[in-house]
C-alpha atoms as a PDB file:
ATOM      1  CA  UNK A   1     -23.725  -3.448  75.451  1.00  0.00           C
ATOM      2  CA  UNK A   2     -23.561  -6.805  74.383  1.00  0.00           C
ATOM      3  CA  UNK A   3     -21.037  -8.721  76.001  1.00  0.00           C
ATOM      4  CA  UNK A   4     -19.623 -12.320  74.756  1.00  0.00           C
ATOM      5  CA  UNK A   5     -22.410 -14.813  76.783  1.00  0.00           C
ATOM      6  CA  UNK A   6     -19.822 -16.664  78.737  1.00  0.00           C
ATOM      7  CA  UNK A   7     -17.773 -13.907  79.881  1.00  0.00           C
ATOM      8  CA  UNK A   8     -21.060 -12.819  81.214  1.00  0.00           C
ATOM      9  CA  UNK A   9     -22.673 -16.170  82.844  1.00  0.00           C
ATOM     10  CA  UNK A  10     -18.970 -16.218  84.500  1.00  0.00           C
ATOM     11  CA  UNK A  11     -19.305 -12.497  85.644  1.00  0.00           C
ATOM     12  CA  UNK A  12     -23.312 -13.036  86.881  1.00  0.00           C
ATOM     13  CA  UNK A  13     -22.193 -16.381  88.392  1.00  0.00           C
ATOM     14  CA  UNK A  14     -19.097 -14.790  90.353  1.00  0.00           C
ATOM     15  CA  UNK A  15     -21.493 -11.798  91.682  1.00  0.00           C
ATOM     16  CA  UNK A  16     -24.207 -13.249  92.738  1.00  0.00           C
ATOM     17  CA  UNK A  17     -21.781 -15.234  95.340  1.00  0.00           C
ATOM     18  CA  UNK A  18     -20.118 -11.958  96.329  1.00  0.00           C
ATOM     19  CA  UNK A  19     -23.768 -10.499  96.721  1.00  0.00           C
ATOM     20  CA  UNK A  20     -24.684 -13.618  98.926  1.00  0.00           C
ATOM     21  CA  UNK A  21     -21.514 -13.345 100.757  1.00  0.00           C
ATOM     22  CA  UNK A  22     -21.831  -9.713 101.498  1.00  0.00           C
ATOM     23  CA  UNK A  23     -18.236  -9.464 102.913  1.00  0.00           C
ATOM     24  CA  UNK A  24     -16.855  -7.120 100.683  1.00  0.00           C
ATOM     25  CA  UNK A  25     -19.294  -4.495 101.107  1.00  0.00           C
ATOM     26  CA  UNK A  26     -17.204  -3.022 103.127  1.00  0.00           C
ATOM     27  CA  UNK A  27     -14.250  -2.730 101.017  1.00  0.00           C
ATOM     28  CA  UNK A  28     -15.336  -0.920  97.655  1.00  0.00           C
ATOM     29  CA  UNK A  29     -18.457   0.668  96.018  1.00  0.00           C
ATOM     30  CA  UNK A  30     -18.630  -1.682  93.569  1.00  0.00           C
ATOM     31  CA  UNK A  31     -19.722  -4.759  95.686  1.00  0.00           C
ATOM     32  CA  UNK A  32     -22.518  -2.011  97.182  1.00  0.00           C
ATOM     33  CA  UNK A  33     -23.324  -1.115  94.126  1.00  0.00           C
ATOM     34  CA  UNK A  34     -23.708  -5.314  93.079  1.00  0.00           C
ATOM     35  CA  UNK A  35     -25.976  -5.389  96.075  1.00  0.00           C
ATOM     36  CA  UNK A  36     -28.527  -3.281  94.806  1.00  0.00           C
ATOM     37  CA  UNK A  37     -29.037  -5.050  91.322  1.00  0.00           C
ATOM     38  CA  UNK A  38     -30.404  -8.286  92.207  1.00  0.00           C
ATOM     39  CA  UNK A  39     -30.830  -9.475  88.432  1.00  0.00           C
ATOM     40  CA  UNK A  40     -27.458  -8.737  86.954  1.00  0.00           C
ATOM     41  CA  UNK A  41     -28.178  -7.481  83.967  1.00  0.00           C
ATOM     42  CA  UNK A  42     -25.372  -6.993  80.870  1.00  0.00           C
ATOM     43  CA  UNK A  43     -25.964  -3.334  81.596  1.00  0.00           C
ATOM     44  CA  UNK A  44     -25.284  -3.748  85.078  1.00  0.00           C
ATOM     45  CA  UNK A  45     -22.534  -6.102  84.701  1.00  0.00           C
ATOM     46  CA  UNK A  46     -20.812  -3.505  82.236  1.00  0.00           C
ATOM     47  CA  UNK A  47     -21.310  -0.986  84.855  1.00  0.00           C
ATOM     48  CA  UNK A  48     -19.709  -2.516  88.155  1.00  0.00           C
ATOM     49  CA  UNK A  49     -17.160  -3.284  85.654  1.00  0.00           C
ATOM     50  CA  UNK A  50     -15.643   0.315  85.015  1.00  0.00           C
ATOM     51  CA  UNK A  51     -17.017   1.053  88.779  1.00  0.00           C
ATOM     52  CA  UNK A  52     -14.241  -1.857  89.854  1.00  0.00           C
ATOM     53  CA  UNK A  53     -10.721   0.062  90.468  1.00  0.00           C
ATOM     54  CA  UNK A  54      -8.627  -2.706  90.421  1.00  0.00           C
ATOM     55  CA  UNK A  55      -7.351  -2.512  94.188  1.00  0.00           C
ATOM     56  CA  UNK A  56      -7.258  -6.120  94.625  1.00  0.00           C
ATOM     57  CA  UNK A  57      -7.712  -6.073  97.959  1.00  0.00           C
ATOM     58  CA  UNK A  58     -11.337  -7.966  97.349  1.00  0.00           C
ATOM     59  CA  UNK A  59      -9.414 -10.616  96.118  1.00  0.00           C
ATOM     60  CA  UNK A  60      -6.359 -10.708  99.177  1.00  0.00           C
ATOM     61  CA  UNK A  61      -9.552 -10.533 101.159  1.00  0.00           C
ATOM     62  CA  UNK A  62     -11.656 -13.673 100.281  1.00  0.00           C
ATOM     63  CA  UNK A  63     -12.086 -16.867 101.096  1.00  0.00           C
ATOM     64  CA  UNK A  64     -13.516 -18.340  97.897  1.00  0.00           C
ATOM     65  CA  UNK A  65     -10.593 -16.953  95.532  1.00  0.00           C
ATOM     66  CA  UNK A  66      -8.718 -19.401  94.122  1.00  0.00           C
ATOM     67  CA  UNK A  67      -7.529 -22.288  94.553  1.00  0.00           C
ATOM     68  CA  UNK A  68     -11.179 -22.779  95.740  1.00  0.00           C
ATOM     69  CA  UNK A  69     -13.467 -24.335  93.271  1.00  0.00           C
ATOM     70  CA  UNK A  70     -15.709 -21.147  93.560  1.00  0.00           C
ATOM     71  CA  UNK A  71     -12.400 -19.673  91.796  1.00  0.00           C
ATOM     72  CA  UNK A  72     -14.104 -16.149  92.537  1.00  0.00           C
ATOM     73  CA  UNK A  73     -11.555 -13.252  91.153  1.00  0.00           C
ATOM     74  CA  UNK A  74     -13.635 -10.217  90.685  1.00  0.00           C
ATOM     75  CA  UNK A  75     -10.406  -7.813  89.468  1.00  0.00           C
ATOM     76  CA  UNK A  76      -9.448 -10.769  87.013  1.00  0.00           C
ATOM     77  CA  UNK A  77     -13.198 -11.233  85.957  1.00  0.00           C
ATOM     78  CA  UNK A  78     -14.456  -7.913  85.229  1.00  0.00           C
ATOM     79  CA  UNK A  79     -11.098  -6.846  83.541  1.00  0.00           C
ATOM     80  CA  UNK A  80     -11.910  -9.331  81.153  1.00  0.00           C
ATOM     81  CA  UNK A  81     -15.943  -7.564  80.951  1.00  0.00           C
ATOM     82  CA  UNK A  82     -13.959  -4.135  80.146  1.00  0.00           C
ATOM     83  CA  UNK A  83     -11.750  -5.695  77.667  1.00  0.00           C
ATOM     84  CA  UNK A  84     -14.488  -5.930  75.484  1.00  0.00           C
ATOM     85  CA  UNK A  85     -15.105  -2.572  75.063  1.00  0.00           C
ATOM     86  CA  UNK A  86     -11.520  -2.260  72.752  1.00  0.00           C
ATOM     87  CA  UNK A  87     -11.518  -5.636  70.540  1.00  0.00           C
ATOM     88  CA  UNK A  88      -8.077  -6.010  69.956  1.00  0.00           C
ATOM     89  CA  UNK A  89      -8.015  -6.073  66.128  1.00  0.00           C
ATOM     90  CA  UNK A  90      -9.346  -2.216  65.899  1.00  0.00           C
ATOM     91  CA  UNK A  91      -6.823  -1.149  68.700  1.00  0.00           C
ATOM     92  CA  UNK A  92      -3.843  -2.481  66.382  1.00  0.00           C
ATOM     93  CA  UNK A  93      -5.193  -0.778  63.591  1.00  0.00           C
ATOM     94  CA  UNK A  94      -4.857   2.333  65.395  1.00  0.00           C
ATOM     95  CA  UNK A  95      -1.226   1.830  65.694  1.00  0.00           C
ATOM     96  CA  UNK A  96      -0.392   1.336  62.110  1.00  0.00           C
ATOM     97  CA  UNK A  97      -0.130   5.132  61.683  1.00  0.00           C
ATOM     98  CA  UNK A  98       3.140   5.112  64.241  1.00  0.00           C
ATOM     99  CA  UNK A  99       4.604   3.523  61.393  1.00  0.00           C
ATOM    100  CA  UNK A 100       2.642   5.070  57.985  1.00  0.00           C
ATOM    101  CA  UNK A 101       2.697   8.415  58.988  1.00  0.00           C
ATOM    102  CA  UNK A 102       6.761   8.637  58.417  1.00  0.00           C
ATOM    103  CA  UNK A 103       6.549   5.947  55.554  1.00  0.00           C
ATOM    104  CA  UNK A 104       4.274   8.119  53.406  1.00  0.00           C
ATOM    105  CA  UNK A 105       6.375  11.395  54.500  1.00  0.00           C
ATOM    106  CA  UNK A 106       9.106   9.812  53.495  1.00  0.00           C
ATOM    107  CA  UNK A 107       7.865   8.576  49.868  1.00  0.00           C
ATOM    108  CA  UNK A 108       6.417  11.781  49.455  1.00  0.00           C
ATOM    109  CA  UNK A 109       8.141  14.703  50.332  1.00  0.00           C
ATOM    110  CA  UNK A 110      10.602  15.380  48.582  1.00  0.00           C
ATOM    111  CA  UNK A 111      14.844  14.190  50.273  1.00  0.00           C
ATOM    112  CA  UNK A 112      15.771  17.775  49.795  1.00  0.00           C
ATOM    113  CA  UNK A 113      13.026  19.272  51.460  1.00  0.00           C
ATOM    114  CA  UNK A 114      12.361  16.065  54.298  1.00  0.00           C
ATOM    115  CA  UNK A 115      16.284  16.377  54.893  1.00  0.00           C
ATOM    116  CA  UNK A 116      16.788  20.046  54.619  1.00  0.00           C
ATOM    117  CA  UNK A 117      17.192  22.039  57.696  1.00  0.00           C
ATOM    118  CA  UNK A 118      14.128  24.945  57.765  1.00  0.00           C
ATOM    119  CA  UNK A 119      14.642  27.244  60.788  1.00  0.00           C
ATOM    120  CA  UNK A 120      12.342  30.336  61.950  1.00  0.00           C
ATOM    121  CA  UNK A 121       8.403  30.508  62.181  1.00  0.00           C
ATOM    122  CA  UNK A 122       6.537  28.406  59.778  1.00  0.00           C
ATOM    123  CA  UNK A 123       9.789  25.304  59.167  1.00  0.00           C
ATOM    124  CA  UNK A 124       7.088  22.667  60.685  1.00  0.00           C
ATOM    125  CA  UNK A 125       4.720  23.786  57.714  1.00  0.00           C
ATOM    126  CA  UNK A 126       7.811  23.450  54.863  1.00  0.00           C
ATOM    127  CA  UNK A 127       7.788  19.320  55.757  1.00  0.00           C
ATOM    128  CA  UNK A 128       3.790  19.107  56.432  1.00  0.00           C
ATOM    129  CA  UNK A 129       2.067  21.745  55.654  1.00  0.00           C
ATOM    130  CA  UNK A 130      -0.373  23.139  58.172  1.00  0.00           C
ATOM    131  CA  UNK A 131      -3.557  21.745  56.495  1.00  0.00           C
ATOM    132  CA  UNK A 132      -2.491  18.308  56.211  1.00  0.00           C
ATOM    133  CA  UNK A 133      -1.433  18.639  60.139  1.00  0.00           C
ATOM    134  CA  UNK A 134      -4.520  20.445  61.431  1.00  0.00           C
ATOM    135  CA  UNK A 135      -7.386  18.123  59.334  1.00  0.00           C
ATOM    136  CA  UNK A 136      -5.261  14.988  59.545  1.00  0.00           C
ATOM    137  CA  UNK A 137      -5.425  15.472  63.783  1.00  0.00           C
ATOM    138  CA  UNK A 138      -9.107  16.969  63.620  1.00  0.00           C
ATOM    139  CA  UNK A 139     -10.796  14.299  61.322  1.00  0.00           C
ATOM    140  CA  UNK A 140      -8.919  11.396  63.991  1.00  0.00           C
ATOM    141  CA  UNK A 141      -9.855  13.522  66.677  1.00  0.00           C
ATOM    142  CA  UNK A 142     -13.375  14.268  66.310  1.00  0.00           C
ATOM    143  CA  UNK A 143     -14.338  11.046  64.642  1.00  0.00           C
ATOM    144  CA  UNK A 144     -13.218   9.232  68.147  1.00  0.00           C
ATOM    145  CA  UNK A 145     -14.818  11.679  70.383  1.00  0.00           C
ATOM    146  CA  UNK A 146     -17.784  10.845  68.658  1.00  0.00           C
ATOM    147  CA  UNK A 147     -17.428   7.316  68.582  1.00  0.00           C
ATOM    148  CA  UNK A 148     -16.695   7.884  72.759  1.00  0.00           C
ATOM    149  CA  UNK A 149     -19.784   9.934  72.954  1.00  0.00           C
ATOM    150  CA  UNK A 150     -22.126   7.360  71.405  1.00  0.00           C
ATOM    151  CA  UNK A 151     -20.987   4.581  73.488  1.00  0.00           C
ATOM    152  CA  UNK A 152     -21.098   6.518  76.483  1.00  0.00           C
ATOM    153  CA  UNK A 153     -24.602   7.379  75.949  1.00  0.00           C
ATOM    154  CA  UNK A 154     -25.403   3.613  75.359  1.00  0.00           C
ATOM    155  CA  UNK A 155     -23.446   2.586  78.396  1.00  0.00           C
ATOM    156  CA  UNK A 156     -25.437   5.584  81.016  1.00  0.00           C
ATOM    157  CA  UNK A 157     -28.694   3.898  79.110  1.00  0.00           C
ATOM    158  CA  UNK A 158     -28.127   0.282  79.318  1.00  0.00           C
ATOM    159  CA  UNK A 159     -27.140   0.690  83.321  1.00  0.00           C
ATOM    160  CA  UNK A 160     -30.404   2.716  84.529  1.00  0.00           C
ATOM    161  CA  UNK A 161     -30.277   6.052  82.711  1.00  0.00           C
ATOM    162  CA  UNK A 162     -31.405   8.938  84.527  1.00  0.00           C
ATOM    163  CA  UNK A 163     -30.480  12.876  85.274  1.00  0.00           C
ATOM    164  CA  UNK A 164     -26.791  13.016  86.881  1.00  0.00           C
ATOM    165  CA  UNK A 165     -27.801  16.860  87.872  1.00  0.00           C
ATOM    166  CA  UNK A 166     -26.740  16.943  92.087  1.00  0.00           C
ATOM    167  CA  UNK A 167     -23.952  14.215  92.007  1.00  0.00           C
ATOM    168  CA  UNK A 168     -21.465  15.860  89.258  1.00  0.00           C
ATOM    169  CA  UNK A 169     -19.479  17.316  91.858  1.00  0.00           C
ATOM    170  CA  UNK A 170     -19.126  14.295  93.685  1.00  0.00           C
ATOM    171  CA  UNK A 171     -18.224  12.168  91.178  1.00  0.00           C
ATOM    172  CA  UNK A 172     -15.626  15.025  90.166  1.00  0.00           C
ATOM    173  CA  UNK A 173     -14.066  14.683  93.498  1.00  0.00           C
ATOM    174  CA  UNK A 174     -14.214  10.815  93.523  1.00  0.00           C
ATOM    175  CA  UNK A 175     -12.275  10.586  90.155  1.00  0.00           C
ATOM    176  CA  UNK A 176      -9.579  13.067  90.996  1.00  0.00           C
ATOM    177  CA  UNK A 177      -8.817  11.799  94.456  1.00  0.00           C
ATOM    178  CA  UNK A 178      -9.297   7.838  93.099  1.00  0.00           C
ATOM    179  CA  UNK A 179     -10.738   7.236  96.419  1.00  0.00           C
ATOM    180  CA  UNK A 180     -11.836   3.924  95.408  1.00  0.00           C
ATOM    181  CA  UNK A 181      -8.197   2.528  94.449  1.00  0.00           C
ATOM    182  CA  UNK A 182      -8.398   1.995  98.475  1.00  0.00           C
ATOM    183  CA  UNK A 183     -11.158  -0.769  98.960  1.00  0.00           C
ATOM    184  CA  UNK A 184     -11.822  -0.610 102.472  1.00  0.00           C
ATOM    185  CA  UNK A 185      -9.798   2.411 103.074  1.00  0.00           C
ATOM    186  CA  UNK A 186      -6.600   0.094 102.725  1.00  0.00           C
ATOM    187  CA  UNK A 187      -4.094   1.079 100.313  1.00  0.00           C
ATOM    188  CA  UNK A 188      -3.416  -2.184  97.578  1.00  0.00           C
ATOM    189  CA  UNK A 189       0.123  -3.264  96.648  1.00  0.00           C
ATOM    190  CA  UNK A 190       1.943  -0.451  94.880  1.00  0.00           C
ATOM    191  CA  UNK A 191      -1.429   1.990  95.136  1.00  0.00           C
ATOM    192  CA  UNK A 192       0.680   4.821  96.698  1.00  0.00           C
ATOM    193  CA  UNK A 193       2.542   4.812  92.959  1.00  0.00           C
ATOM    194  CA  UNK A 194      -0.687   3.910  90.714  1.00  0.00           C
ATOM    195  CA  UNK A 195      -2.018   7.038  92.288  1.00  0.00           C
ATOM    196  CA  UNK A 196       0.519   9.223  91.802  1.00  0.00           C
ATOM    197  CA  UNK A 197       1.282   8.156  88.020  1.00  0.00           C
ATOM    198  CA  UNK A 198      -2.417   8.258  87.487  1.00  0.00           C
ATOM    199  CA  UNK A 199      -2.239  11.687  88.926  1.00  0.00           C
ATOM    200  CA  UNK A 200       1.033  12.932  86.734  1.00  0.00           C
ATOM    201  CA  UNK A 201      -0.808  11.282  83.240  1.00  0.00           C
ATOM    202  CA  UNK A 202      -3.814  13.373  83.549  1.00  0.00           C
ATOM    203  CA  UNK A 203      -2.086  16.826  84.572  1.00  0.00           C
ATOM    204  CA  UNK A 204       0.131  16.309  81.888  1.00  0.00           C
ATOM    205  CA  UNK A 205      -2.734  15.695  79.631  1.00  0.00           C
ATOM    206  CA  UNK A 206      -4.565  19.030  81.225  1.00  0.00           C
ATOM    207  CA  UNK A 207      -0.616  21.280  80.122  1.00  0.00           C
ATOM    208  CA  UNK A 208      -0.780  19.622  76.632  1.00  0.00           C
ATOM    209  CA  UNK A 209      -4.103  20.367  75.892  1.00  0.00           C
ATOM    210  CA  UNK A 210      -3.526  23.764  77.256  1.00  0.00           C
ATOM    211  CA  UNK A 211      -0.007  24.267  75.274  1.00  0.00           C
ATOM    212  CA  UNK A 212      -2.027  23.151  72.211  1.00  0.00           C
ATOM    213  CA  UNK A 213      -5.016  26.046  73.007  1.00  0.00           C
ATOM    214  CA  UNK A 214      -2.572  28.660  73.430  1.00  0.00           C
ATOM    215  CA  UNK A 215      -0.765  27.867  70.188  1.00  0.00           C
ATOM    216  CA  UNK A 216      -3.707  27.785  68.490  1.00  0.00           C
ATOM    217  CA  UNK A 217      -4.573  31.380  69.611  1.00  0.00           C
ATOM    218  CA  UNK A 218      -1.321  32.322  69.052  1.00  0.00           C
ATOM    219  CA  UNK A 219      -1.617  30.659  65.217  1.00  0.00           C
ATOM    220  CA  UNK A 220      -5.222  32.281  64.505  1.00  0.00           C
ATOM    221  CA  UNK A 221      -5.007  35.305  66.705  1.00  0.00           C
ATOM    222  CA  UNK A 222      -1.356  37.006  66.643  1.00  0.00           C
ATOM    223  CA  UNK A 223      -0.448  34.952  63.564  1.00  0.00           C
ATOM    224  CA  UNK A 224       2.387  33.412  65.125  1.00  0.00           C
ATOM    225  CA  UNK A 225       3.316  30.332  63.435  1.00  0.00           C
ATOM    226  CA  UNK A 226       5.173  27.202  64.974  1.00  0.00           C
ATOM    227  CA  UNK A 227       7.992  26.338  65.939  1.00  0.00           C
ATOM    228  CA  UNK A 228       7.759  28.617  68.826  1.00  0.00           C
ATOM    229  CA  UNK A 229      11.250  29.504  71.055  1.00  0.00           C
ATOM    230  CA  UNK A 230      11.835  27.875  73.966  1.00  0.00           C
ATOM    231  CA  UNK A 231      10.822  30.006  76.554  1.00  0.00           C
ATOM    232  CA  UNK A 232       7.581  30.659  74.865  1.00  0.00           C
ATOM    233  CA  UNK A 233       4.388  29.674  76.866  1.00  0.00           C
ATOM    234  CA  UNK A 234       3.222  26.817  74.291  1.00  0.00           C
ATOM    235  CA  UNK A 235       6.783  25.262  74.508  1.00  0.00           C
ATOM    236  CA  UNK A 236       7.084  25.757  78.515  1.00  0.00           C
ATOM    237  CA  UNK A 237       2.935  24.151  79.243  1.00  0.00           C
ATOM    238  CA  UNK A 238       4.493  21.328  76.657  1.00  0.00           C
ATOM    239  CA  UNK A 239       7.499  20.526  78.188  1.00  0.00           C
ATOM    240  CA  UNK A 240       5.703  20.070  81.413  1.00  0.00           C
ATOM    241  CA  UNK A 241       2.798  18.375  80.133  1.00  0.00           C
ATOM    242  CA  UNK A 242       5.291  15.996  78.479  1.00  0.00           C
ATOM    243  CA  UNK A 243       7.198  15.394  81.659  1.00  0.00           C
ATOM    244  CA  UNK A 244       4.661  14.889  83.627  1.00  0.00           C
ATOM    245  CA  UNK A 245       3.484  11.991  80.878  1.00  0.00           C
ATOM    246  CA  UNK A 246       6.757  10.383  80.974  1.00  0.00           C
ATOM    247  CA  UNK A 247       6.268   9.868  84.612  1.00  0.00           C
ATOM    248  CA  UNK A 248       3.181   8.563  84.691  1.00  0.00           C
ATOM    249  CA  UNK A 249       3.801   5.881  81.778  1.00  0.00           C
ATOM    250  CA  UNK A 250       6.682   4.893  83.765  1.00  0.00           C
ATOM    251  CA  UNK A 251       4.792   4.701  87.545  1.00  0.00           C
ATOM    252  CA  UNK A 252       2.258   2.693  85.947  1.00  0.00           C
ATOM    253  CA  UNK A 253       4.209   0.739  83.851  1.00  0.00           C
ATOM    254  CA  UNK A 254       6.133  -0.255  86.820  1.00  0.00           C
ATOM    255  CA  UNK A 255       3.186  -0.837  89.147  1.00  0.00           C
ATOM    256  CA  UNK A 256       1.284  -3.228  86.471  1.00  0.00           C
ATOM    257  CA  UNK A 257       4.438  -4.954  85.345  1.00  0.00           C
ATOM    258  CA  UNK A 258       4.380  -5.863  89.484  1.00  0.00           C
ATOM    259  CA  UNK A 259       0.934  -6.709  89.900  1.00  0.00           C
ATOM    260  CA  UNK A 260       0.262  -8.658  86.839  1.00  0.00           C
ATOM    261  CA  UNK A 261       3.044 -10.645  87.549  1.00  0.00           C
ATOM    262  CA  UNK A 262       1.012 -11.608  90.984  1.00  0.00           C
ATOM    263  CA  UNK A 263      -1.911 -12.442  89.587  1.00  0.00           C
ATOM    264  CA  UNK A 264      -0.586 -13.421  85.690  1.00  0.00           C
ATOM    265  CA  UNK A 265      -3.194 -11.403  84.172  1.00  0.00           C
ATOM    266  CA  UNK A 266      -3.104 -10.811  80.565  1.00  0.00           C
ATOM    267  CA  UNK A 267      -3.552  -6.753  80.221  1.00  0.00           C
ATOM    268  CA  UNK A 268      -1.321  -6.458  76.450  1.00  0.00           C
ATOM    269  CA  UNK A 269      -3.997  -3.238  75.666  1.00  0.00           C
ATOM    270  CA  UNK A 270      -2.688  -1.517  79.371  1.00  0.00           C
ATOM    271  CA  UNK A 271       0.939  -2.054  77.856  1.00  0.00           C
ATOM    272  CA  UNK A 272       0.185  -1.159  74.545  1.00  0.00           C
ATOM    273  CA  UNK A 273      -1.703   2.821  75.884  1.00  0.00           C
ATOM    274  CA  UNK A 274       1.537   3.258  77.912  1.00  0.00           C
ATOM    275  CA  UNK A 275       3.936   2.502  75.415  1.00  0.00           C
ATOM    276  CA  UNK A 276       1.821   4.755  72.786  1.00  0.00           C
ATOM    277  CA  UNK A 277       1.941   7.589  75.230  1.00  0.00           C
ATOM    278  CA  UNK A 278       5.557   7.300  76.046  1.00  0.00           C
ATOM    279  CA  UNK A 279       6.284   7.433  72.555  1.00  0.00           C
ATOM    280  CA  UNK A 280       4.154  10.783  71.815  1.00  0.00           C
ATOM    281  CA  UNK A 281       6.417  12.386  75.236  1.00  0.00           C
ATOM    282  CA  UNK A 282       9.322  11.203  73.510  1.00  0.00           C
ATOM    283  CA  UNK A 283       9.507  11.639  70.081  1.00  0.00           C
ATOM    284  CA  UNK A 284       7.557  15.436  71.022  1.00  0.00           C
ATOM    285  CA  UNK A 285      10.726  15.912  72.941  1.00  0.00           C
ATOM    286  CA  UNK A 286      12.938  14.948  69.960  1.00  0.00           C
ATOM    287  CA  UNK A 287      11.113  16.656  68.037  1.00  0.00           C
ATOM    288  CA  UNK A 288      12.185  19.930  70.067  1.00  0.00           C
ATOM    289  CA  UNK A 289      15.267  19.512  70.382  1.00  0.00           C
ATOM    290  CA  UNK A 290      16.352  18.387  66.979  1.00  0.00           C
ATOM    291  CA  UNK A 291      13.908  21.059  65.424  1.00  0.00           C
ATOM    292  CA  UNK A 292      16.525  22.653  64.408  1.00  0.00           C
ATOM    293  CA  UNK A 293      18.900  19.886  62.198  1.00  0.00           C
ATOM    294  CA  UNK A 294      18.174  17.691  59.155  1.00  0.00           C
ATOM    295  CA  UNK A 295      16.369  15.336  61.649  1.00  0.00           C
ATOM    296  CA  UNK A 296      13.191  17.829  61.897  1.00  0.00           C
ATOM    297  CA  UNK A 297      11.293  16.089  59.019  1.00  0.00           C
ATOM    298  CA  UNK A 298      11.352  12.325  60.340  1.00  0.00           C
ATOM    299  CA  UNK A 299      10.918  13.265  63.645  1.00  0.00           C
ATOM    300  CA  UNK A 300       7.501  15.291  62.675  1.00  0.00           C
ATOM    301  CA  UNK A 301       6.476  12.667  60.458  1.00  0.00           C
ATOM    302  CA  UNK A 302       6.848  10.359  63.909  1.00  0.00           C
ATOM    303  CA  UNK A 303       5.115  12.290  66.177  1.00  0.00           C
ATOM    304  CA  UNK A 304       2.309  12.792  64.132  1.00  0.00           C
ATOM    305  CA  UNK A 305       1.839   9.196  63.607  1.00  0.00           C
ATOM    306  CA  UNK A 306       2.008   9.051  67.259  1.00  0.00           C
ATOM    307  CA  UNK A 307      -0.541  11.639  67.909  1.00  0.00           C
ATOM    308  CA  UNK A 308      -2.812  10.378  65.231  1.00  0.00           C
ATOM    309  CA  UNK A 309      -2.991   6.914  66.577  1.00  0.00           C
ATOM    310  CA  UNK A 310      -3.516   7.860  70.033  1.00  0.00           C
ATOM    311  CA  UNK A 311      -6.703  10.185  68.751  1.00  0.00           C
ATOM    312  CA  UNK A 312      -7.788   7.165  67.202  1.00  0.00           C
ATOM    313  CA  UNK A 313      -7.186   5.096  70.342  1.00  0.00           C
ATOM    314  CA  UNK A 314      -8.870   7.390  72.511  1.00  0.00           C
ATOM    315  CA  UNK A 315     -12.298   5.365  71.028  1.00  0.00           C
ATOM    316  CA  UNK A 316     -10.837   2.166  70.274  1.00  0.00           C
ATOM    317  CA  UNK A 317      -8.586   1.480  72.789  1.00  0.00           C
ATOM    318  CA  UNK A 318      -7.929   1.258  76.551  1.00  0.00           C
ATOM    319  CA  UNK A 319      -7.852   4.863  76.917  1.00  0.00           C
ATOM    320  CA  UNK A 320     -11.884   4.926  76.596  1.00  0.00           C
ATOM    321  CA  UNK A 321     -11.608   3.037  79.750  1.00  0.00           C
ATOM    322  CA  UNK A 322     -11.402   6.798  81.459  1.00  0.00           C
ATOM    323  CA  UNK A 323     -14.679   7.796  80.465  1.00  0.00           C
ATOM    324  CA  UNK A 324     -16.425   4.701  81.261  1.00  0.00           C
ATOM    325  CA  UNK A 325     -15.419   4.770  84.804  1.00  0.00           C
ATOM    326  CA  UNK A 326     -16.302   8.939  85.201  1.00  0.00           C
ATOM    327  CA  UNK A 327     -19.675   7.491  83.802  1.00  0.00           C
ATOM    328  CA  UNK A 328     -20.076   5.201  86.800  1.00  0.00           C
ATOM    329  CA  UNK A 329     -18.469   7.312  89.366  1.00  0.00           C
ATOM    330  CA  UNK A 330     -21.341   9.518  88.427  1.00  0.00           C
ATOM    331  CA  UNK A 331     -23.950   6.559  88.763  1.00  0.00           C
ATOM    332  CA  UNK A 332     -22.698   5.623  91.762  1.00  0.00           C
ATOM    333  CA  UNK A 333     -22.657   9.067  93.116  1.00  0.00           C
ATOM    334  CA  UNK A 334     -26.238   9.354  91.804  1.00  0.00           C
ATOM    335  CA  UNK A 335     -27.332   6.227  93.334  1.00  0.00           C
ATOM    336  CA  UNK A 336     -25.467   7.056  97.138  1.00  0.00           C
ATOM    337  CA  UNK A 337     -27.688  10.744  96.951  1.00  0.00           C
ATOM    338  CA  UNK A 338     -30.876   9.123  96.461  1.00  0.00           C
ATOM    339  CA  UNK A 339     -30.035   6.268  98.937  1.00  0.00           C
END
């Protein structure tokens, strides 16, 4: 992956000093991995940036942190490297679907259909046909996953390649427990909230995916069409998932706000993602509550636009960092396994 030259030179300077100092190798997996890479190529820097969990303990302990003339600030510098993955212009373009989907629905769907009450199975598809919902979401999701997969392939190759077999379970445990969020075994500031919020967000995604999978089985195998009853399995799973996602977004927003105020960091992409995730959850609940009213048509369009933007955000926005961090943890597990 090609980094901005000024950015890569600064990261290389900072990491070279960190390797020589070697104090923080006891804090974090990232510093131990940096010590195994004396050349610090661009692929190495990108790998180390994603291995950093931004706990901030190295910054608190560093004798060369600002205002020292060396200005060693790993959390900020490595966050700048990670931000190169998602150009801001593309992130903003993906958000256009949030207003675009309701606008196109308002312009193209007759008002006597859009603002009418539709009850019973298949009510959603009177406003937006099943083909529009499934094809639109499918194209957005598949194209994003393909782009993300290609990016992960390049990331893996540039950071050293190799067969990860034997290290997958260790990396999976590191991803699920967020072990590296406590550099040196010391919980970072608001680390407990960040950990639980991350867990809530990921678990919420899992429940929402399960809800969609069950609804797909209902639609194609049993012939049952949405919207489903409140006590049905898709609705129960989706409600649990949406609630967990809202908890995760709120916790991460609060934690990020406190942390960024202290570090004076500019992380618009992170706030943008949390706002989009919150919109998906809130619009989903609004659609569930008012689905038998005249507001259902526009609420469906708003939720559909938010979901489309979220799917496109997988490869162009900060959401992609989760996949890159998992790949970085897998490489770190490989290196520990092979000494």
